């Protein structure tokens, strides 16, 4: 495997890890291990943001995919799809 292919595989894996952690942040709410998942999510979020900025700066053709993944990660972490009535009681 050459250098470019391994870099692309790592880039793709980072997107999968980021999206998986975005889902896990919601699933681990108020459970054991929540702090570890949140720390990993925030680390991946910052790496994804830096990757998006680097892709935009160096004119990589798929930098928009990184930006889209970053947006999905942020929305998945912020939006609560469940019923909100239990928080206001």
N, C-alpha and C. Protein backbone atom coordinates (compact mmCIF):
# COMPACT_ATOMS: atom_id res chain seq x y z
N UNK A 1 0.85 -1.17 0.00
CA UNK A 1 0.00 0.00 0.00
C UNK A 1 0.90 1.24 0.00
N UNK A 2 0.64 2.15 -0.89
CA UNK A 2 1.47 3.34 -0.96
C UNK A 2 0.99 4.39 0.05
N UNK A 3 1.74 5.47 0.14
CA UNK A 3 1.50 6.51 1.13
C UNK A 3 0.15 7.19 0.93
N UNK A 4 -0.22 7.48 -0.32
CA UNK A 4 -1.47 8.19 -0.59
C UNK A 4 -2.68 7.33 -0.21
N UNK A 5 -2.61 6.05 -0.48
CA UNK A 5 -3.73 5.16 -0.15
C UNK A 5 -3.88 5.02 1.36
N UNK A 6 -2.78 4.91 2.07
CA UNK A 6 -2.87 4.78 3.53
C UNK A 6 -3.37 6.08 4.16
N UNK A 7 -3.01 7.22 3.59
CA UNK A 7 -3.51 8.50 4.08
C UNK A 7 -5.01 8.62 3.86
N UNK A 8 -5.48 8.16 2.71
CA UNK A 8 -6.91 8.20 2.42
C UNK A 8 -7.68 7.26 3.34
N UNK A 9 -7.13 6.10 3.63
CA UNK A 9 -7.78 5.16 4.54
C UNK A 9 -7.86 5.73 5.95
N UNK A 10 -6.82 6.39 6.39
CA UNK A 10 -6.83 7.02 7.72
C UNK A 10 -7.83 8.17 7.76
N UNK A 11 -7.92 8.92 6.68
CA UNK A 11 -8.86 10.04 6.60
C UNK A 11 -10.29 9.52 6.67
N UNK A 12 -10.57 8.43 5.94
CA UNK A 12 -11.90 7.82 5.95
C UNK A 12 -12.22 7.24 7.33
N UNK A 13 -11.25 6.59 7.95
CA UNK A 13 -11.45 6.02 9.28
C UNK A 13 -11.74 7.11 10.31
N UNK A 14 -11.10 8.25 10.18
CA UNK A 14 -11.35 9.37 11.09
C UNK A 14 -12.80 9.84 10.99
N UNK A 15 -13.35 9.86 9.79
CA UNK A 15 -14.75 10.24 9.61
C UNK A 15 -15.67 9.22 10.28
N UNK A 16 -15.38 7.95 10.10
CA UNK A 16 -16.21 6.91 10.73
C UNK A 16 -16.13 6.97 12.25
N UNK A 17 -14.94 7.18 12.78
CA UNK A 17 -14.77 7.29 14.23
C UNK A 17 -15.51 8.52 14.75
N UNK A 18 -15.41 9.62 14.05
CA UNK A 18 -16.10 10.84 14.47
C UNK A 18 -17.60 10.68 14.50
N UNK A 19 -18.17 10.08 13.47
CA UNK A 19 -19.61 9.88 13.45
C UNK A 19 -20.05 8.87 14.50
N UNK A 20 -19.24 7.84 14.71
CA UNK A 20 -19.56 6.84 15.74
C UNK A 20 -19.54 7.47 17.13
N UNK A 21 -18.54 8.30 17.38
CA UNK A 21 -18.47 8.96 18.69
C UNK A 21 -19.60 9.96 18.89
N UNK A 22 -20.05 10.59 17.81
CA UNK A 22 -21.19 11.51 17.93
C UNK A 22 -22.44 10.75 18.37
N UNK A 23 -22.62 9.54 17.87
CA UNK A 23 -23.76 8.72 18.28
C UNK A 23 -23.55 8.22 19.71
N UNK A 24 -22.33 7.82 20.04
CA UNK A 24 -22.05 7.32 21.38
C UNK A 24 -22.21 8.38 22.46
N UNK A 25 -21.92 9.62 22.13
CA UNK A 25 -22.09 10.70 23.11
C UNK A 25 -23.55 10.76 23.56
N UNK A 26 -24.46 10.58 22.62
CA UNK A 26 -25.88 10.58 22.96
C UNK A 26 -26.27 9.31 23.70
N UNK A 27 -25.74 8.19 23.29
CA UNK A 27 -26.10 6.91 23.90
C UNK A 27 -25.56 6.77 25.32
N UNK A 28 -24.45 7.41 25.63
CA UNK A 28 -23.81 7.27 26.94
C UNK A 28 -24.23 8.34 27.93
N UNK A 29 -25.24 9.12 27.61
CA UNK A 29 -25.69 10.19 28.50
C UNK A 29 -26.08 9.64 29.87
N UNK A 30 -25.46 10.19 30.91
CA UNK A 30 -25.70 9.80 32.31
C UNK A 30 -25.41 8.33 32.57
N UNK A 31 -24.42 7.80 31.90
CA UNK A 31 -24.01 6.42 32.13
C UNK A 31 -22.53 6.38 32.46
N UNK A 32 -22.11 5.23 32.90
CA UNK A 32 -20.71 5.02 33.23
C UNK A 32 -19.87 5.11 31.95
N UNK A 33 -18.79 5.83 32.00
CA UNK A 33 -17.92 6.00 30.84
C UNK A 33 -18.26 7.20 29.98
N UNK A 34 -19.21 8.00 30.44
CA UNK A 34 -19.62 9.17 29.66
C UNK A 34 -18.46 10.15 29.48
N UNK A 35 -17.66 10.33 30.51
CA UNK A 35 -16.55 11.29 30.45
C UNK A 35 -15.51 10.87 29.40
N UNK A 36 -15.23 9.59 29.31
CA UNK A 36 -14.25 9.10 28.35
C UNK A 36 -14.75 9.30 26.92
N UNK A 37 -16.01 8.99 26.69
CA UNK A 37 -16.59 9.15 25.36
C UNK A 37 -16.64 10.63 24.97
N UNK A 38 -16.98 11.50 25.92
CA UNK A 38 -17.00 12.93 25.63
C UNK A 38 -15.61 13.46 25.31
N UNK A 39 -14.60 13.01 26.05
CA UNK A 39 -13.23 13.45 25.77
C UNK A 39 -12.77 12.99 24.39
N UNK A 40 -13.08 11.75 24.06
CA UNK A 40 -12.71 11.24 22.73
C UNK A 40 -13.46 11.99 21.64
N UNK A 41 -14.73 12.30 21.88
CA UNK A 41 -15.52 13.05 20.90
C UNK A 41 -14.93 14.44 20.68
N UNK A 42 -14.60 15.13 21.77
CA UNK A 42 -14.04 16.47 21.63
C UNK A 42 -12.69 16.45 20.92
N UNK A 43 -11.88 15.44 21.19
CA UNK A 43 -10.59 15.32 20.50
C UNK A 43 -10.82 15.08 19.01
N UNK A 44 -11.74 14.19 18.68
CA UNK A 44 -12.04 13.91 17.27
C UNK A 44 -12.65 15.12 16.59
N UNK A 45 -13.47 15.85 17.32
CA UNK A 45 -14.09 17.05 16.77
C UNK A 45 -13.04 18.09 16.41
N UNK A 46 -12.05 18.27 17.28
CA UNK A 46 -11.00 19.25 16.98
C UNK A 46 -10.12 18.78 15.83
N UNK A 47 -9.82 17.49 15.75
CA UNK A 47 -9.03 16.98 14.63
C UNK A 47 -9.80 17.13 13.32
N UNK A 48 -11.11 16.88 13.36
CA UNK A 48 -11.93 17.03 12.16
C UNK A 48 -11.98 18.50 11.72
N UNK A 49 -12.05 19.41 12.68
CA UNK A 49 -12.06 20.83 12.34
C UNK A 49 -10.74 21.25 11.71
N UNK A 50 -9.63 20.78 12.27
CA UNK A 50 -8.33 21.10 11.68
C UNK A 50 -8.17 20.47 10.30
N UNK A 51 -8.69 19.27 10.13
CA UNK A 51 -8.65 18.62 8.81
C UNK A 51 -9.46 19.37 7.78
N UNK A 52 -10.60 19.89 8.20
CA UNK A 52 -11.43 20.67 7.29
C UNK A 52 -10.73 21.97 6.88
N UNK A 53 -10.12 22.64 7.85
CA UNK A 53 -9.39 23.88 7.53
C UNK A 53 -8.19 23.60 6.62
N UNK A 54 -7.47 22.52 6.91
CA UNK A 54 -6.33 22.17 6.07
C UNK A 54 -6.79 21.81 4.66
N UNK A 55 -7.87 21.07 4.56
CA UNK A 55 -8.39 20.71 3.24
C UNK A 55 -8.83 21.91 2.44
N UNK A 56 -9.44 22.86 3.11
CA UNK A 56 -9.86 24.09 2.42
C UNK A 56 -8.66 24.91 1.99
N UNK A 57 -7.66 24.99 2.85
CA UNK A 57 -6.47 25.78 2.54
C UNK A 57 -5.66 25.18 1.39
N UNK A 58 -5.51 23.85 1.39
CA UNK A 58 -4.71 23.19 0.36
C UNK A 58 -5.52 22.74 -0.84
N UNK A 59 -6.80 23.12 -0.89
CA UNK A 59 -7.68 22.84 -2.02
C UNK A 59 -7.82 21.35 -2.32
N UNK A 60 -7.95 20.54 -1.27
CA UNK A 60 -8.22 19.12 -1.49
C UNK A 60 -9.62 18.99 -2.02
N UNK A 61 -9.84 18.08 -2.95
CA UNK A 61 -11.16 18.01 -3.60
C UNK A 61 -12.30 17.59 -2.67
N UNK A 62 -12.04 16.85 -1.61
CA UNK A 62 -13.11 16.37 -0.75
C UNK A 62 -13.13 17.05 0.61
N UNK A 63 -12.69 18.29 0.67
CA UNK A 63 -12.70 18.98 1.96
C UNK A 63 -14.14 19.22 2.41
N UNK A 64 -15.07 19.32 1.46
CA UNK A 64 -16.47 19.52 1.82
C UNK A 64 -17.05 18.33 2.58
N UNK A 65 -16.55 17.13 2.30
CA UNK A 65 -16.99 15.96 3.05
C UNK A 65 -16.57 16.06 4.51
N UNK A 66 -15.37 16.58 4.75
CA UNK A 66 -14.92 16.80 6.13
C UNK A 66 -15.79 17.85 6.81
N UNK A 67 -16.13 18.88 6.08
CA UNK A 67 -16.99 19.93 6.65
C UNK A 67 -18.38 19.38 6.95
N UNK A 68 -18.89 18.54 6.07
CA UNK A 68 -20.20 17.93 6.31
C UNK A 68 -20.19 17.00 7.51
N UNK A 69 -19.12 16.20 7.63
CA UNK A 69 -18.99 15.31 8.77
C UNK A 69 -18.89 16.11 10.06
N UNK A 70 -18.14 17.19 10.03
CA UNK A 70 -18.02 18.06 11.20
C UNK A 70 -19.38 18.63 11.59
N UNK A 71 -20.15 19.05 10.60
CA UNK A 71 -21.48 19.61 10.88
C UNK A 71 -22.41 18.55 11.47
N UNK A 72 -22.37 17.34 10.94
CA UNK A 72 -23.21 16.27 11.46
C UNK A 72 -22.80 15.92 12.88
N UNK A 73 -21.50 15.91 13.16
CA UNK A 73 -21.02 15.63 14.51
C UNK A 73 -21.53 16.67 15.50
N UNK A 74 -21.49 17.93 15.12
CA UNK A 74 -21.94 19.00 16.01
C UNK A 74 -23.44 18.91 16.24
N UNK A 75 -24.20 18.71 15.18
CA UNK A 75 -25.65 18.62 15.32
C UNK A 75 -26.04 17.39 16.14
N UNK A 76 -25.37 16.27 15.91
CA UNK A 76 -25.69 15.05 16.66
C UNK A 76 -25.39 15.21 18.14
N UNK A 77 -24.39 15.99 18.47
CA UNK A 77 -24.04 16.20 19.88
C UNK A 77 -24.95 17.21 20.56
N UNK A 78 -25.50 18.13 19.82
CA UNK A 78 -26.29 19.22 20.41
C UNK A 78 -27.77 18.91 20.44
N UNK A 79 -28.31 18.37 19.39
CA UNK A 79 -29.75 18.15 19.27
C UNK A 79 -30.14 16.88 20.04
N UNK A 80 -31.18 16.99 20.83
CA UNK A 80 -31.71 15.85 21.57
C UNK A 80 -32.97 15.37 20.87
N UNK A 81 -32.94 14.20 20.22
CA UNK A 81 -34.11 13.74 19.49
C UNK A 81 -35.21 13.17 20.37
N UNK A 82 -34.92 12.92 21.63
CA UNK A 82 -35.89 12.31 22.54
C UNK A 82 -36.88 13.32 23.08
N UNK A 83 -37.82 12.81 23.87
CA UNK A 83 -38.81 13.72 24.47
C UNK A 83 -38.14 14.62 25.49
N UNK A 84 -38.43 15.90 25.40
CA UNK A 84 -37.79 16.88 26.28
C UNK A 84 -38.57 17.18 27.53
N UNK A 85 -39.70 16.55 27.72
CA UNK A 85 -40.56 16.85 28.86
C UNK A 85 -39.91 16.43 30.18
N UNK A 86 -39.09 15.39 30.16
CA UNK A 86 -38.50 14.91 31.40
C UNK A 86 -37.47 15.89 31.98
N UNK A 87 -36.89 16.72 31.17
CA UNK A 87 -35.90 17.68 31.65
C UNK A 87 -36.57 18.88 32.32
N UNK A 88 -37.80 19.17 31.98
CA UNK A 88 -38.47 20.36 32.50
C UNK A 88 -39.37 20.07 33.67
N UNK A 89 -39.47 18.85 34.08
CA UNK A 89 -40.32 18.50 35.24
C UNK A 89 -39.63 18.79 36.53
